[in-house]
Amino acid sequence: MSYRIPKVNSLIMRELTDYLRNDVKDPRINEFISITSVDTASDLKTCKVYVSSFGGKAEKDAVLEALRSCNKFLRGELARKVNLRYTPELIFIWDDSIEHGAKILELMDKVAQEDSKKAHS
């Protein structure tokens, strides 16, 4: 198994996170946006970038639109920093796993509270 793609994924994730935090001035992109994972194709032509935010689905469309509008900038910066033969096309995808996990934890807390009430009754 080749370890190249996981290394490329890690490098792209680190660089994009840095650019989003420090260089992108779009107000729709704030410090609460997180890149949850990166999946680069084996031919390095495309790269799926999974993003999430604490604002959740309410700001999903605005965040994705902002990321798509600065796509050329991010890809250019990535090309300057990352030494790859091809700089992959960035495809931004919303990742709702954080919200899903939070909902599950909330439901588990409710069940635990109900169980403790039953035990004390």
C-alpha atoms as a PDB file:
ATOM      1  CA  MET A   1       0.000   0.000   0.000  1.00  0.00           C
ATOM      2  CA  SER A   2       1.248   3.440  -0.944  1.00  0.00           C
ATOM      3  CA  TYR A   3       1.509   6.020   1.797  1.00  0.00           C
ATOM      4  CA  ARG A   4       1.703   8.903  -0.668  1.00  0.00           C
ATOM      5  CA  ILE A   5      -2.006   9.781  -0.807  1.00  0.00           C
ATOM      6  CA  PRO A   6      -2.459   9.913   3.007  1.00  0.00           C
ATOM      7  CA  LYS A   7       0.610  12.187   3.195  1.00  0.00           C
ATOM      8  CA  VAL A   8      -0.765  14.395   0.416  1.00  0.00           C
ATOM      9  CA  ASN A   9      -4.155  14.506   2.177  1.00  0.00           C
ATOM     10  CA  SER A  10      -2.519  15.556   5.433  1.00  0.00           C
ATOM     11  CA  LEU A  11      -0.398  18.201   3.737  1.00  0.00           C
ATOM     12  CA  ILE A  12      -3.337  19.672   1.811  1.00  0.00           C
ATOM     13  CA  MET A  13      -5.487  19.694   4.931  1.00  0.00           C
ATOM     14  CA  ARG A  14      -2.817  21.489   6.948  1.00  0.00           C
ATOM     15  CA  GLU A  15      -2.139  24.097   4.248  1.00  0.00           C
ATOM     16  CA  LEU A  16      -5.804  24.810   3.508  1.00  0.00           C
ATOM     17  CA  THR A  17      -6.569  25.163   7.215  1.00  0.00           C
ATOM     18  CA  ASP A  18      -3.731  27.665   7.512  1.00  0.00           C
ATOM     19  CA  TYR A  19      -4.954  29.685   4.515  1.00  0.00           C
ATOM     20  CA  LEU A  20      -8.553  29.721   5.712  1.00  0.00           C
ATOM     21  CA  ARG A  21      -7.523  30.953   9.154  1.00  0.00           C
ATOM     22  CA  ASN A  22      -4.948  33.532   8.103  1.00  0.00           C
ATOM     23  CA  ASP A  23      -5.315  34.674   4.495  1.00  0.00           C
ATOM     24  CA  VAL A  24      -8.942  34.473   3.389  1.00  0.00           C
ATOM     25  CA  LYS A  25     -10.745  37.751   4.108  1.00  0.00           C
ATOM     26  CA  ASP A  26     -14.276  36.683   3.139  1.00  0.00           C
ATOM     27  CA  PRO A  27     -16.592  37.413   6.109  1.00  0.00           C
ATOM     28  CA  ARG A  28     -18.593  34.244   5.355  1.00  0.00           C
ATOM     29  CA  ILE A  29     -15.501  32.237   6.265  1.00  0.00           C
ATOM     30  CA  ASN A  30     -14.859  32.610   9.971  1.00  0.00           C
ATOM     31  CA  GLU A  31     -12.662  30.937  12.563  1.00  0.00           C
ATOM     32  CA  PHE A  32     -15.348  28.355  13.301  1.00  0.00           C
ATOM     33  CA  ILE A  33     -14.961  26.640   9.921  1.00  0.00           C
ATOM     34  CA  SER A  34     -13.136  23.361  10.163  1.00  0.00           C
ATOM     35  CA  ILE A  35     -11.729  21.072   7.509  1.00  0.00           C
ATOM     36  CA  THR A  36     -12.747  17.658   8.793  1.00  0.00           C
ATOM     37  CA  SER A  37     -11.021  15.559   6.146  1.00  0.00           C
ATOM     38  CA  VAL A  38      -9.447  15.600   2.713  1.00  0.00           C
ATOM     39  CA  ASP A  39      -9.694  12.872   0.102  1.00  0.00           C
ATOM     40  CA  THR A  40      -7.336  13.224  -2.861  1.00  0.00           C
ATOM     41  CA  ALA A  41      -7.833  11.021  -5.909  1.00  0.00           C
ATOM     42  CA  SER A  42      -4.969   8.648  -6.683  1.00  0.00           C
ATOM     43  CA  ASP A  43      -4.201  10.536  -9.918  1.00  0.00           C
ATOM     44  CA  LEU A  44      -3.999  13.828  -7.931  1.00  0.00           C
ATOM     45  CA  LYS A  45      -6.484  15.508 -10.299  1.00  0.00           C
ATOM     46  CA  THR A  46      -9.232  16.141  -7.737  1.00  0.00           C
ATOM     47  CA  CYS A  47      -9.377  16.627  -4.013  1.00  0.00           C
ATOM     48  CA  LYS A  48     -12.572  16.463  -1.982  1.00  0.00           C
ATOM     49  CA  VAL A  49     -12.345  18.813   0.979  1.00  0.00           C
ATOM     50  CA  TYR A  50     -14.924  18.119   3.696  1.00  0.00           C
ATOM     51  CA  VAL A  51     -15.804  21.179   5.766  1.00  0.00           C
ATOM     52  CA  SER A  52     -17.979  21.845   8.776  1.00  0.00           C
ATOM     53  CA  SER A  53     -18.834  24.766  10.994  1.00  0.00           C
ATOM     54  CA  PHE A  54     -20.287  25.411  14.435  1.00  0.00           C
ATOM     55  CA  GLY A  55     -23.003  27.433  12.719  1.00  0.00           C
ATOM     56  CA  GLY A  56     -24.223  24.163  11.300  1.00  0.00           C
ATOM     57  CA  LYS A  57     -26.533  23.781   8.384  1.00  0.00           C
ATOM     58  CA  ALA A  58     -27.870  27.313   8.824  1.00  0.00           C
ATOM     59  CA  GLU A  59     -24.747  28.766   7.236  1.00  0.00           C
ATOM     60  CA  LYS A  60     -23.936  25.784   5.003  1.00  0.00           C
ATOM     61  CA  ASP A  61     -24.827  27.455   1.692  1.00  0.00           C
ATOM     62  CA  ALA A  62     -23.003  30.694   2.507  1.00  0.00           C
ATOM     63  CA  VAL A  63     -19.843  28.883   3.587  1.00  0.00           C
ATOM     64  CA  LEU A  64     -19.782  26.591   0.555  1.00  0.00           C
ATOM     65  CA  GLU A  65     -20.377  29.534  -1.793  1.00  0.00           C
ATOM     66  CA  ALA A  66     -17.537  31.485  -0.149  1.00  0.00           C
ATOM     67  CA  LEU A  67     -15.168  28.524  -0.443  1.00  0.00           C
ATOM     68  CA  ARG A  68     -16.079  28.006  -4.079  1.00  0.00           C
ATOM     69  CA  SER A  69     -15.530  31.700  -4.818  1.00  0.00           C
ATOM     70  CA  CYS A  70     -11.999  31.626  -3.363  1.00  0.00           C
ATOM     71  CA  ASN A  71     -11.228  28.236  -4.906  1.00  0.00           C
ATOM     72  CA  LYS A  72      -8.746  29.660  -7.455  1.00  0.00           C
ATOM     73  CA  PHE A  73      -6.922  31.581  -4.749  1.00  0.00           C
ATOM     74  CA  LEU A  74      -6.676  28.518  -2.500  1.00  0.00           C
ATOM     75  CA  ARG A  75      -5.537  26.295  -5.352  1.00  0.00           C
ATOM     76  CA  GLY A  76      -2.896  28.854  -6.382  1.00  0.00           C
ATOM     77  CA  GLU A  77      -1.586  29.154  -2.845  1.00  0.00           C
ATOM     78  CA  LEU A  78      -1.576  25.381  -2.552  1.00  0.00           C
ATOM     79  CA  ALA A  79       0.449  25.119  -5.767  1.00  0.00           C
ATOM     80  CA  ARG A  80       3.045  27.519  -4.356  1.00  0.00           C
ATOM     81  CA  LYS A  81       3.396  25.692  -1.031  1.00  0.00           C
ATOM     82  CA  VAL A  82       2.946  22.031  -1.953  1.00  0.00           C
ATOM     83  CA  ASN A  83       5.417  20.491  -4.339  1.00  0.00           C
ATOM     84  CA  LEU A  84       3.198  18.249  -6.469  1.00  0.00           C
ATOM     85  CA  ARG A  85       3.265  17.570 -10.177  1.00  0.00           C
ATOM     86  CA  TYR A  86      -0.420  18.500 -10.359  1.00  0.00           C
ATOM     87  CA  THR A  87      -2.325  20.717  -7.996  1.00  0.00           C
ATOM     88  CA  PRO A  88      -5.675  19.001  -7.582  1.00  0.00           C
ATOM     89  CA  GLU A  89      -8.994  20.645  -8.333  1.00  0.00           C
ATOM     90  CA  LEU A  90     -10.605  21.419  -4.968  1.00  0.00           C
ATOM     91  CA  ILE A  91     -14.160  20.196  -4.442  1.00  0.00           C
ATOM     92  CA  PHE A  92     -15.731  21.479  -1.223  1.00  0.00           C
ATOM     93  CA  ILE A  93     -18.309  19.204   0.422  1.00  0.00           C
ATOM     94  CA  TRP A  94     -20.307  19.902   3.581  1.00  0.00           C
ATOM     95  CA  ASP A  95     -19.641  17.403   6.374  1.00  0.00           C
ATOM     96  CA  ASP A  96     -22.465  17.200   8.886  1.00  0.00           C
ATOM     97  CA  SER A  97     -20.852  14.516  11.037  1.00  0.00           C
ATOM     98  CA  ILE A  98     -20.117  17.013  13.832  1.00  0.00           C
ATOM     99  CA  GLU A  99     -23.777  18.056  14.037  1.00  0.00           C
ATOM    100  CA  HIS A 100     -24.832  14.412  13.824  1.00  0.00           C
ATOM    101  CA  GLY A 101     -22.487  13.473  16.666  1.00  0.00           C
ATOM    102  CA  ALA A 102     -23.737  16.380  18.780  1.00  0.00           C
ATOM    103  CA  LYS A 103     -27.339  15.280  18.224  1.00  0.00           C
ATOM    104  CA  ILE A 104     -26.494  11.709  19.276  1.00  0.00           C
ATOM    105  CA  LEU A 105     -24.772  12.980  22.447  1.00  0.00           C
ATOM    106  CA  GLU A 106     -27.798  15.140  23.216  1.00  0.00           C
ATOM    107  CA  LEU A 107     -30.112  12.133  22.849  1.00  0.00           C
ATOM    108  CA  MET A 108     -27.838  10.000  25.032  1.00  0.00           C
ATOM    109  CA  ASP A 109     -27.890  12.699  27.726  1.00  0.00           C
ATOM    110  CA  LYS A 110     -31.701  12.765  27.628  1.00  0.00           C
ATOM    111  CA  VAL A 111     -31.874   8.988  28.022  1.00  0.00           C
ATOM    112  CA  ALA A 112     -29.398   9.084  30.905  1.00  0.00           C
ATOM    113  CA  GLN A 113     -31.410  11.811  32.653  1.00  0.00           C
ATOM    114  CA  GLU A 114     -34.639   9.855  32.218  1.00  0.00           C
ATOM    115  CA  ASP A 115     -32.973   6.685  33.543  1.00  0.00           C
ATOM    116  CA  SER A 116     -31.662   8.536  36.594  1.00  0.00           C
ATOM    117  CA  LYS A 117     -35.138   9.972  37.267  1.00  0.00           C
ATOM    118  CA  LYS A 118     -36.640   6.463  37.068  1.00  0.00           C
ATOM    119  CA  ALA A 119     -33.965   5.083  39.369  1.00  0.00           C
ATOM    120  CA  HIS A 120     -34.668   7.748  41.997  1.00  0.00           C
ATOM    121  CA  SER A 121     -38.435   7.204  41.833  1.00  0.00           C
END
